[in-house]
Amino acid sequence: MAEATAVAATEMTVEMVKASQLGMKALGAGIAVGLTGIGTGLAEMAIGSAAVGATAENKDIFGLVLLLTVIPETIVIFGLVVGLLLLF
């Protein structure tokens, strides 16, 4: 009797499998956005300080510095797109 109860407790229904798959998709989307956000933050840490220093010394390179600061921010947009593709 106890063996039959243990087997019944480990079986997964179709609804349980679908809910688990939906949860894994959401987890994957969250990891994609979160890790790209962390990567962007780490990149911005070094680039931002160097950009401010370079702009303080020569104000003529502000456009170039702004472009170099914006490029790493596109990484998180890619992560967001991947996350949305996983969810929908």
PDB file of N, CA and C in Angstrom:
ATOM      1  N   MET A   1       0.822  -1.198   0.000  1.00  0.00           N
ATOM      2  CA  MET A   1       0.000   0.000   0.000  1.00  0.00           C
ATOM      3  C   MET A   1       0.853   1.243   0.000  1.00  0.00           C
ATOM      4  N   ALA A   2       1.894   1.249   0.816  1.00  0.00           N
ATOM      5  CA  ALA A   2       2.774   2.415   0.882  1.00  0.00           C
ATOM      6  C   ALA A   2       3.533   2.602  -0.426  1.00  0.00           C
ATOM      7  N   GLU A   3       3.857   1.448  -1.088  1.00  0.00           N
ATOM      8  CA  GLU A   3       4.571   1.535  -2.364  1.00  0.00           C
ATOM      9  C   GLU A   3       3.694   2.169  -3.435  1.00  0.00           C
ATOM     10  N   ALA A   4       2.410   1.804  -3.475  1.00  0.00           N
ATOM     11  CA  ALA A   4       1.484   2.386  -4.449  1.00  0.00           C
ATOM     12  C   ALA A   4       1.290   3.868  -4.195  1.00  0.00           C
ATOM     13  N   THR A   5       1.263   4.279  -2.966  1.00  0.00           N
ATOM     14  CA  THR A   5       1.117   5.699  -2.630  1.00  0.00           C
ATOM     15  C   THR A   5       2.350   6.480  -3.064  1.00  0.00           C
ATOM     16  N   ALA A   6       3.530   5.894  -2.912  1.00  0.00           N
ATOM     17  CA  ALA A   6       4.760   6.565  -3.308  1.00  0.00           C
ATOM     18  C   ALA A   6       4.834   6.734  -4.814  1.00  0.00           C
ATOM     19  N   VAL A   7       4.400   5.726  -5.590  1.00  0.00           N
ATOM     20  CA  VAL A   7       4.407   5.806  -7.045  1.00  0.00           C
ATOM     21  C   VAL A   7       3.409   6.859  -7.509  1.00  0.00           C
ATOM     22  N   ALA A   8       2.238   6.903  -6.909  1.00  0.00           N
ATOM     23  CA  ALA A   8       1.225   7.885  -7.292  1.00  0.00           C
ATOM     24  C   ALA A   8       1.684   9.294  -6.978  1.00  0.00           C
ATOM     25  N   ALA A   9       2.455   9.458  -5.922  1.00  0.00           N
ATOM     26  CA  ALA A   9       2.919  10.797  -5.557  1.00  0.00           C
ATOM     27  C   ALA A   9       3.982  11.303  -6.514  1.00  0.00           C
ATOM     28  N   THR A  10       4.746  10.421  -7.166  1.00  0.00           N
ATOM     29  CA  THR A  10       5.803  10.856  -8.073  1.00  0.00           C
ATOM     30  C   THR A  10       5.325  11.058  -9.496  1.00  0.00           C
ATOM     31  N   GLU A  11       4.137  10.539  -9.849  1.00  0.00           N
ATOM     32  CA  GLU A  11       3.631  10.724 -11.206  1.00  0.00           C
ATOM     33  C   GLU A  11       3.213  12.173 -11.403  1.00  0.00           C
ATOM     34  N   MET A  12       3.492  12.686 -12.603  1.00  0.00           N
ATOM     35  CA  MET A  12       3.124  14.060 -12.914  1.00  0.00           C
ATOM     36  C   MET A  12       1.984  14.040 -13.914  1.00  0.00           C
ATOM     37  N   THR A  13       1.026  14.882 -13.690  1.00  0.00           N
ATOM     38  CA  THR A  13      -0.078  15.001 -14.632  1.00  0.00           C
ATOM     39  C   THR A  13       0.323  15.930 -15.770  1.00  0.00           C
ATOM     40  N   VAL A  14      -0.474  15.964 -16.806  1.00  0.00           N
ATOM     41  CA  VAL A  14      -0.186  16.822 -17.958  1.00  0.00           C
ATOM     42  C   VAL A  14      -0.203  18.286 -17.539  1.00  0.00           C
ATOM     43  N   GLU A  15      -1.123  18.639 -16.662  1.00  0.00           N
ATOM     44  CA  GLU A  15      -1.200  20.022 -16.192  1.00  0.00           C
ATOM     45  C   GLU A  15       0.042  20.405 -15.404  1.00  0.00           C
ATOM     46  N   MET A  16       0.551  19.466 -14.629  1.00  0.00           N
ATOM     47  CA  MET A  16       1.759  19.728 -13.855  1.00  0.00           C
ATOM     48  C   MET A  16       2.962  19.910 -14.769  1.00  0.00           C
ATOM     49  N   VAL A  17       3.023  19.113 -15.837  1.00  0.00           N
ATOM     50  CA  VAL A  17       4.144  19.224 -16.782  1.00  0.00           C
ATOM     51  C   VAL A  17       4.069  20.561 -17.513  1.00  0.00           C
ATOM     52  N   LYS A  18       2.865  20.962 -17.949  1.00  0.00           N
ATOM     53  CA  LYS A  18       2.716  22.239 -18.646  1.00  0.00           C
ATOM     54  C   LYS A  18       3.066  23.410 -17.727  1.00  0.00           C
ATOM     55  N   ALA A  19       2.649  23.347 -16.492  1.00  0.00           N
ATOM     56  CA  ALA A  19       2.981  24.411 -15.537  1.00  0.00           C
ATOM     57  C   ALA A  19       4.478  24.458 -15.287  1.00  0.00           C
ATOM     58  N   SER A  20       5.109  23.298 -15.225  1.00  0.00           N
ATOM     59  CA  SER A  20       6.554  23.248 -15.023  1.00  0.00           C
ATOM     60  C   SER A  20       7.293  23.827 -16.223  1.00  0.00           C
ATOM     61  N   GLN A  21       6.814  23.516 -17.435  1.00  0.00           N
ATOM     62  CA  GLN A  21       7.443  24.070 -18.635  1.00  0.00           C
ATOM     63  C   GLN A  21       7.289  25.582 -18.687  1.00  0.00           C
ATOM     64  N   LEU A  22       6.132  26.093 -18.316  1.00  0.00           N
ATOM     65  CA  LEU A  22       5.908  27.540 -18.297  1.00  0.00           C
ATOM     66  C   LEU A  22       6.819  28.209 -17.270  1.00  0.00           C
ATOM     67  N   GLY A  23       6.986  27.569 -16.144  1.00  0.00           N
ATOM     68  CA  GLY A  23       7.885  28.104 -15.126  1.00  0.00           C
ATOM     69  C   GLY A  23       9.331  28.108 -15.584  1.00  0.00           C
ATOM     70  N   MET A  24       9.746  27.065 -16.291  1.00  0.00           N
ATOM     71  CA  MET A  24      11.113  27.023 -16.807  1.00  0.00           C
ATOM     72  C   MET A  24      11.336  28.095 -17.864  1.00  0.00           C
ATOM     73  N   LYS A  25      10.328  28.354 -18.700  1.00  0.00           N
ATOM     74  CA  LYS A  25      10.436  29.432 -19.687  1.00  0.00           C
ATOM     75  C   LYS A  25      10.609  30.776 -18.986  1.00  0.00           C
ATOM     76  N   ALA A  26       9.812  31.016 -17.979  1.00  0.00           N
ATOM     77  CA  ALA A  26       9.910  32.281 -17.241  1.00  0.00           C
ATOM     78  C   ALA A  26      11.254  32.397 -16.545  1.00  0.00           C
ATOM     79  N   LEU A  27      11.738  31.294 -16.006  1.00  0.00           N
ATOM     80  CA  LEU A  27      13.052  31.305 -15.358  1.00  0.00           C
ATOM     81  C   LEU A  27      14.154  31.602 -16.363  1.00  0.00           C
ATOM     82  N   GLY A  28      14.076  30.990 -17.540  1.00  0.00           N
ATOM     83  CA  GLY A  28      15.073  31.252 -18.584  1.00  0.00           C
ATOM     84  C   GLY A  28      15.041  32.691 -19.054  1.00  0.00           C
ATOM     85  N   ALA A  29      13.846  33.251 -19.194  1.00  0.00           N
ATOM     86  CA  ALA A  29      13.725  34.651 -19.609  1.00  0.00           C
ATOM     87  C   ALA A  29      14.310  35.574 -18.539  1.00  0.00           C
ATOM     88  N   GLY A  30      14.045  35.270 -17.304  1.00  0.00           N
ATOM     89  CA  GLY A  30      14.586  36.080 -16.220  1.00  0.00           C
ATOM     90  C   GLY A  30      16.101  36.002 -16.147  1.00  0.00           C
ATOM     91  N   ILE A  31      16.639  34.827 -16.364  1.00  0.00           N
ATOM     92  CA  ILE A  31      18.101  34.672 -16.358  1.00  0.00           C
ATOM     93  C   ILE A  31      18.716  35.430 -17.526  1.00  0.00           C
ATOM     94  N   ALA A  32      18.064  35.379 -18.702  1.00  0.00           N
ATOM     95  CA  ALA A  32      18.595  36.082 -19.875  1.00  0.00           C
ATOM     96  C   ALA A  32      18.651  37.585 -19.629  1.00  0.00           C
ATOM     97  N   VAL A  33      17.601  38.137 -19.095  1.00  0.00           N
ATOM     98  CA  VAL A  33      17.578  39.582 -18.847  1.00  0.00           C
ATOM     99  C   VAL A  33      18.510  39.943 -17.685  1.00  0.00           C
ATOM    100  N   GLY A  34      18.518  39.142 -16.652  1.00  0.00           N
ATOM    101  CA  GLY A  34      19.339  39.453 -15.485  1.00  0.00           C
ATOM    102  C   GLY A  34      20.832  39.392 -15.769  1.00  0.00           C
ATOM    103  N   LEU A  35      21.265  38.354 -16.462  1.00  0.00           N
ATOM    104  CA  LEU A  35      22.697  38.230 -16.743  1.00  0.00           C
ATOM    105  C   LEU A  35      23.176  39.288 -17.720  1.00  0.00           C
ATOM    106  N   THR A  36      22.346  39.637 -18.701  1.00  0.00           N
ATOM    107  CA  THR A  36      22.762  40.705 -19.613  1.00  0.00           C
ATOM    108  C   THR A  36      22.786  42.047 -18.890  1.00  0.00           C
ATOM    109  N   GLY A  37      21.894  42.231 -17.937  1.00  0.00           N
ATOM    110  CA  GLY A  37      21.921  43.459 -17.146  1.00  0.00           C
ATOM    111  C   GLY A  37      23.177  43.547 -16.302  1.00  0.00           C
ATOM    112  N   ILE A  38      23.590  42.435 -15.720  1.00  0.00           N
ATOM    113  CA  ILE A  38      24.824  42.421 -14.934  1.00  0.00           C
ATOM    114  C   ILE A  38      26.031  42.683 -15.838  1.00  0.00           C
ATOM    115  N   GLY A  39      26.039  42.060 -17.020  1.00  0.00           N
ATOM    116  CA  GLY A  39      27.140  42.291 -17.961  1.00  0.00           C
ATOM    117  C   GLY A  39      27.220  43.737 -18.401  1.00  0.00           C
ATOM    118  N   THR A  40      26.070  44.325 -18.651  1.00  0.00           N
ATOM    119  CA  THR A  40      26.042  45.731 -19.036  1.00  0.00           C
ATOM    120  C   THR A  40      26.537  46.618 -17.904  1.00  0.00           C
ATOM    121  N   GLY A  41      26.137  46.317 -16.705  1.00  0.00           N
ATOM    122  CA  GLY A  41      26.585  47.103 -15.570  1.00  0.00           C
ATOM    123  C   GLY A  41      28.084  47.027 -15.370  1.00  0.00           C
ATOM    124  N   LEU A  42      28.637  45.831 -15.541  1.00  0.00           N
ATOM    125  CA  LEU A  42      30.091  45.686 -15.407  1.00  0.00           C
ATOM    126  C   LEU A  42      30.824  46.445 -16.503  1.00  0.00           C
ATOM    127  N   ALA A  43      30.285  46.411 -17.719  1.00  0.00           N
ATOM    128  CA  ALA A  43      30.922  47.135 -18.817  1.00  0.00           C
ATOM    129  C   ALA A  43      30.823  48.640 -18.605  1.00  0.00           C
ATOM    130  N   GLU A  44      29.669  49.082 -18.154  1.00  0.00           N
ATOM    131  CA  GLU A  44      29.469  50.517 -17.932  1.00  0.00           C
ATOM    132  C   GLU A  44      30.343  51.040 -16.800  1.00  0.00           C
ATOM    133  N   MET A  45      30.685  50.184 -15.876  1.00  0.00           N
ATOM    134  CA  MET A  45      31.501  50.600 -14.743  1.00  0.00           C
ATOM    135  C   MET A  45      32.841  51.161 -15.230  1.00  0.00           C
ATOM    136  N   ALA A  46      33.499  50.447 -16.117  1.00  0.00           N
ATOM    137  CA  ALA A  46      34.807  50.898 -16.595  1.00  0.00           C
ATOM    138  C   ALA A  46      34.670  51.983 -17.655  1.00  0.00           C
ATOM    139  N   ILE A  47      33.715  51.803 -18.544  1.00  0.00           N
ATOM    140  CA  ILE A  47      33.572  52.752 -19.654  1.00  0.00           C
ATOM    141  C   ILE A  47      33.088  54.104 -19.148  1.00  0.00           C
ATOM    142  N   GLY A  48      32.175  54.099 -18.216  1.00  0.00           N
ATOM    143  CA  GLY A  48      31.616  55.350 -17.722  1.00  0.00           C
ATOM    144  C   GLY A  48      32.651  56.223 -17.050  1.00  0.00           C
ATOM    145  N   SER A  49      33.474  55.614 -16.224  1.00  0.00           N
ATOM    146  CA  SER A  49      34.491  56.425 -15.540  1.00  0.00           C
ATOM    147  C   SER A  49      35.526  56.944 -16.534  1.00  0.00           C
ATOM    148  N   ALA A  50      35.908  56.126 -17.489  1.00  0.00           N
ATOM    149  CA  ALA A  50      36.867  56.580 -18.496  1.00  0.00           C
ATOM    150  C   ALA A  50      36.250  57.669 -19.372  1.00  0.00           C
ATOM    151  N   ALA A  51      34.963  57.535 -19.670  1.00  0.00           N
ATOM    152  CA  ALA A  51      34.288  58.535 -20.504  1.00  0.00           C
ATOM    153  C   ALA A  51      34.217  59.881 -19.800  1.00  0.00           C
ATOM    154  N   VAL A  52      33.911  59.867 -18.542  1.00  0.00           N
ATOM    155  CA  VAL A  52      33.838  61.129 -17.793  1.00  0.00           C
ATOM    156  C   VAL A  52      35.217  61.781 -17.718  1.00  0.00           C
ATOM    157  N   GLY A  53      36.246  60.977 -17.506  1.00  0.00           N
ATOM    158  CA  GLY A  53      37.604  61.520 -17.455  1.00  0.00           C
ATOM    159  C   GLY A  53      38.040  62.094 -18.787  1.00  0.00           C
ATOM    160  N   ALA A  54      37.740  61.384 -19.866  1.00  0.00           N
ATOM    161  CA  ALA A  54      38.127  61.866 -21.197  1.00  0.00           C
ATOM    162  C   ALA A  54      37.367  63.131 -21.557  1.00  0.00           C
ATOM    163  N   THR A  55      36.099  63.187 -21.211  1.00  0.00           N
ATOM    164  CA  THR A  55      35.295  64.376 -21.510  1.00  0.00           C
ATOM    165  C   THR A  55      35.767  65.569 -20.677  1.00  0.00           C
ATOM    166  N   ALA A  56      36.199  65.322 -19.467  1.00  0.00           N
ATOM    167  CA  ALA A  56      36.696  66.418 -18.627  1.00  0.00           C
ATOM    168  C   ALA A  56      37.970  67.022 -19.203  1.00  0.00           C
ATOM    169  N   GLU A  57      38.794  66.177 -19.835  1.00  0.00           N
ATOM    170  CA  GLU A  57      40.026  66.681 -20.416  1.00  0.00           C
ATOM    171  C   GLU A  57      39.812  67.341 -21.768  1.00  0.00           C
ATOM    172  N   ASN A  58      38.908  66.785 -22.579  1.00  0.00           N
ATOM    173  CA  ASN A  58      38.680  67.317 -23.923  1.00  0.00           C
ATOM    174  C   ASN A  58      37.194  67.243 -24.227  1.00  0.00           C
ATOM    175  N   LYS A  59      36.534  68.381 -24.222  1.00  0.00           N
ATOM    176  CA  LYS A  59      35.090  68.391 -24.420  1.00  0.00           C
ATOM    177  C   LYS A  59      34.693  68.146 -25.874  1.00  0.00           C
ATOM    178  N   ASP A  60      35.624  68.171 -26.793  1.00  0.00           N
ATOM    179  CA  ASP A  60      35.309  67.949 -28.203  1.00  0.00           C
ATOM    180  C   ASP A  60      34.987  66.488 -28.508  1.00  0.00           C
ATOM    181  N   ILE A  61      35.382  65.569 -27.666  1.00  0.00           N
ATOM    182  CA  ILE A  61      35.136  64.147 -27.928  1.00  0.00           C
ATOM    183  C   ILE A  61      33.887  63.638 -27.219  1.00  0.00           C
ATOM    184  N   PHE A  62      33.017  64.549 -26.816  1.00  0.00           N
ATOM    185  CA  PHE A  62      31.816  64.129 -26.076  1.00  0.00           C
ATOM    186  C   PHE A  62      30.935  63.185 -26.896  1.00  0.00           C
ATOM    187  N   GLY A  63      30.762  63.457 -28.186  1.00  0.00           N
ATOM    188  CA  GLY A  63      29.921  62.598 -29.040  1.00  0.00           C
ATOM    189  C   GLY A  63      30.467  61.186 -29.124  1.00  0.00           C
ATOM    190  N   LEU A  64      31.757  61.058 -29.335  1.00  0.00           N
ATOM    191  CA  LEU A  64      32.384  59.732 -29.399  1.00  0.00           C
ATOM    192  C   LEU A  64      32.254  58.998 -28.068  1.00  0.00           C
ATOM    193  N   VAL A  65      32.474  59.724 -26.992  1.00  0.00           N
ATOM    194  CA  VAL A  65      32.378  59.111 -25.662  1.00  0.00           C
ATOM    195  C   VAL A  65      30.946  58.663 -25.385  1.00  0.00           C
ATOM    196  N   LEU A  66      29.997  59.483 -25.799  1.00  0.00           N
ATOM    197  CA  LEU A  66      28.595  59.103 -25.610  1.00  0.00           C
ATOM    198  C   LEU A  66      28.258  57.843 -26.394  1.00  0.00           C
ATOM    199  N   LEU A  67      28.766  57.748 -27.609  1.00  0.00           N
ATOM    200  CA  LEU A  67      28.542  56.548 -28.427  1.00  0.00           C
ATOM    201  C   LEU A  67      29.163  55.319 -27.768  1.00  0.00           C
ATOM    202  N   LEU A  68      30.359  55.459 -27.260  1.00  0.00           N
ATOM    203  CA  LEU A  68      31.024  54.325 -26.604  1.00  0.00           C
ATOM    204  C   LEU A  68      30.326  53.933 -25.306  1.00  0.00           C
ATOM    205  N   THR A  69      29.659  54.868 -24.691  1.00  0.00           N
ATOM    206  CA  THR A  69      28.910  54.558 -23.467  1.00  0.00           C
ATOM    207  C   THR A  69      27.606  53.839 -23.784  1.00  0.00           C
ATOM    208  N   VAL A  70      27.015  54.154 -24.920  1.00  0.00           N
ATOM    209  CA  VAL A  70      25.710  53.586 -25.268  1.00  0.00           C
ATOM    210  C   VAL A  70      25.838  52.158 -25.811  1.00  0.00           C
ATOM    211  N   ILE A  71      26.942  51.853 -26.447  1.00  0.00           N
ATOM    212  CA  ILE A  71      27.097  50.526 -27.079  1.00  0.00           C
ATOM    213  C   ILE A  71      26.876  49.371 -26.100  1.00  0.00           C
ATOM    214  N   PRO A  72      27.464  49.371 -24.915  1.00  0.00           N
ATOM    215  CA  PRO A  72      27.211  48.238 -23.993  1.00  0.00           C
ATOM    216  C   PRO A  72      25.754  48.138 -23.537  1.00  0.00           C
ATOM    217  N   GLU A  73      25.042  49.235 -23.587  1.00  0.00           N
ATOM    218  CA  GLU A  73      23.640  49.182 -23.168  1.00  0.00           C
ATOM    219  C   GLU A  73      22.771  48.408 -24.140  1.00  0.00           C
ATOM    220  N   THR A  74      23.256  48.218 -25.365  1.00  0.00           N
ATOM    221  CA  THR A  74      22.480  47.422 -26.320  1.00  0.00           C
ATOM    222  C   THR A  74      22.470  45.946 -25.929  1.00  0.00           C
ATOM    223  N   ILE A  75      23.442  45.533 -25.150  1.00  0.00           N
ATOM    224  CA  ILE A  75      23.506  44.122 -24.742  1.00  0.00           C
ATOM    225  C   ILE A  75      22.268  43.748 -23.936  1.00  0.00           C
ATOM    226  N   VAL A  76      21.848  44.627 -23.059  1.00  0.00           N
ATOM    227  CA  VAL A  76      20.671  44.317 -22.246  1.00  0.00           C
ATOM    228  C   VAL A  76      19.405  44.309 -23.101  1.00  0.00           C
ATOM    229  N   ILE A  77      19.404  45.097 -24.177  1.00  0.00           N
ATOM    230  CA  ILE A  77      18.251  45.050 -25.089  1.00  0.00           C
ATOM    231  C   ILE A  77      18.199  43.682 -25.774  1.00  0.00           C
ATOM    232  N   PHE A  78      19.363  43.164 -26.155  1.00  0.00           N
ATOM    233  CA  PHE A  78      19.390  41.820 -26.742  1.00  0.00           C
ATOM    234  C   PHE A  78      18.867  40.784 -25.752  1.00  0.00           C
ATOM    235  N   GLY A  79      19.254  40.911 -24.501  1.00  0.00           N
ATOM    236  CA  GLY A  79      18.758  39.994 -23.474  1.00  0.00           C
ATOM    237  C   GLY A  79      17.258  40.103 -23.294  1.00  0.00           C
ATOM    238  N   LEU A  80      16.748  41.331 -23.364  1.00  0.00           N
ATOM    239  CA  LEU A  80      15.304  41.522 -23.250  1.00  0.00           C
ATOM    240  C   LEU A  80      14.573  40.891 -24.425  1.00  0.00           C
ATOM    241  N   VAL A  81      15.131  41.030 -25.618  1.00  0.00           N
ATOM    242  CA  VAL A  81      14.506  40.421 -26.802  1.00  0.00           C
ATOM    243  C   VAL A  81      14.505  38.897 -26.672  1.00  0.00           C
ATOM    244  N   VAL A  82      15.616  38.339 -26.226  1.00  0.00           N
ATOM    245  CA  VAL A  82      15.682  36.879 -26.039  1.00  0.00           C
ATOM    246  C   VAL A  82      14.668  36.434 -24.989  1.00  0.00           C
ATOM    247  N   GLY A  83      14.559  37.206 -23.925  1.00  0.00           N
ATOM    248  CA  GLY A  83      13.586  36.870 -22.888  1.00  0.00           C
ATOM    249  C   GLY A  83      12.157  36.923 -23.394  1.00  0.00           C
ATOM    250  N   LEU A  84      11.850  37.933 -24.194  1.00  0.00           N
ATOM    251  CA  LEU A  84      10.492  38.024 -24.751  1.00  0.00           C
ATOM    252  C   LEU A  84      10.233  36.901 -25.740  1.00  0.00           C
ATOM    253  N   LEU A  85      11.250  36.528 -26.522  1.00  0.00           N
ATOM    254  CA  LEU A  85      11.078  35.411 -27.459  1.00  0.00           C
ATOM    255  C   LEU A  85      10.845  34.104 -26.708  1.00  0.00           C
ATOM    256  N   LEU A  86      11.476  33.960 -25.556  1.00  0.00           N
ATOM    257  CA  LEU A  86      11.257  32.740 -24.771  1.00  0.00           C
ATOM    258  C   LEU A  86       9.843  32.680 -24.211  1.00  0.00           C
ATOM    259  N   LEU A  87       9.314  33.835 -23.845  1.00  0.00           N
ATOM    260  CA  LEU A  87       7.996  33.848 -23.218  1.00  0.00           C
ATOM    261  C   LEU A  87       6.853  33.743 -24.226  1.00  0.00           C
ATOM    262  N   PHE A  88       7.053  34.320 -25.420  1.00  0.00           N
ATOM    263  CA  PHE A  88       5.936  34.351 -26.389  1.00  0.00           C
ATOM    264  C   PHE A  88       6.242  33.581 -27.645  1.00  0.00           C
TER     265      PHE A  88
END
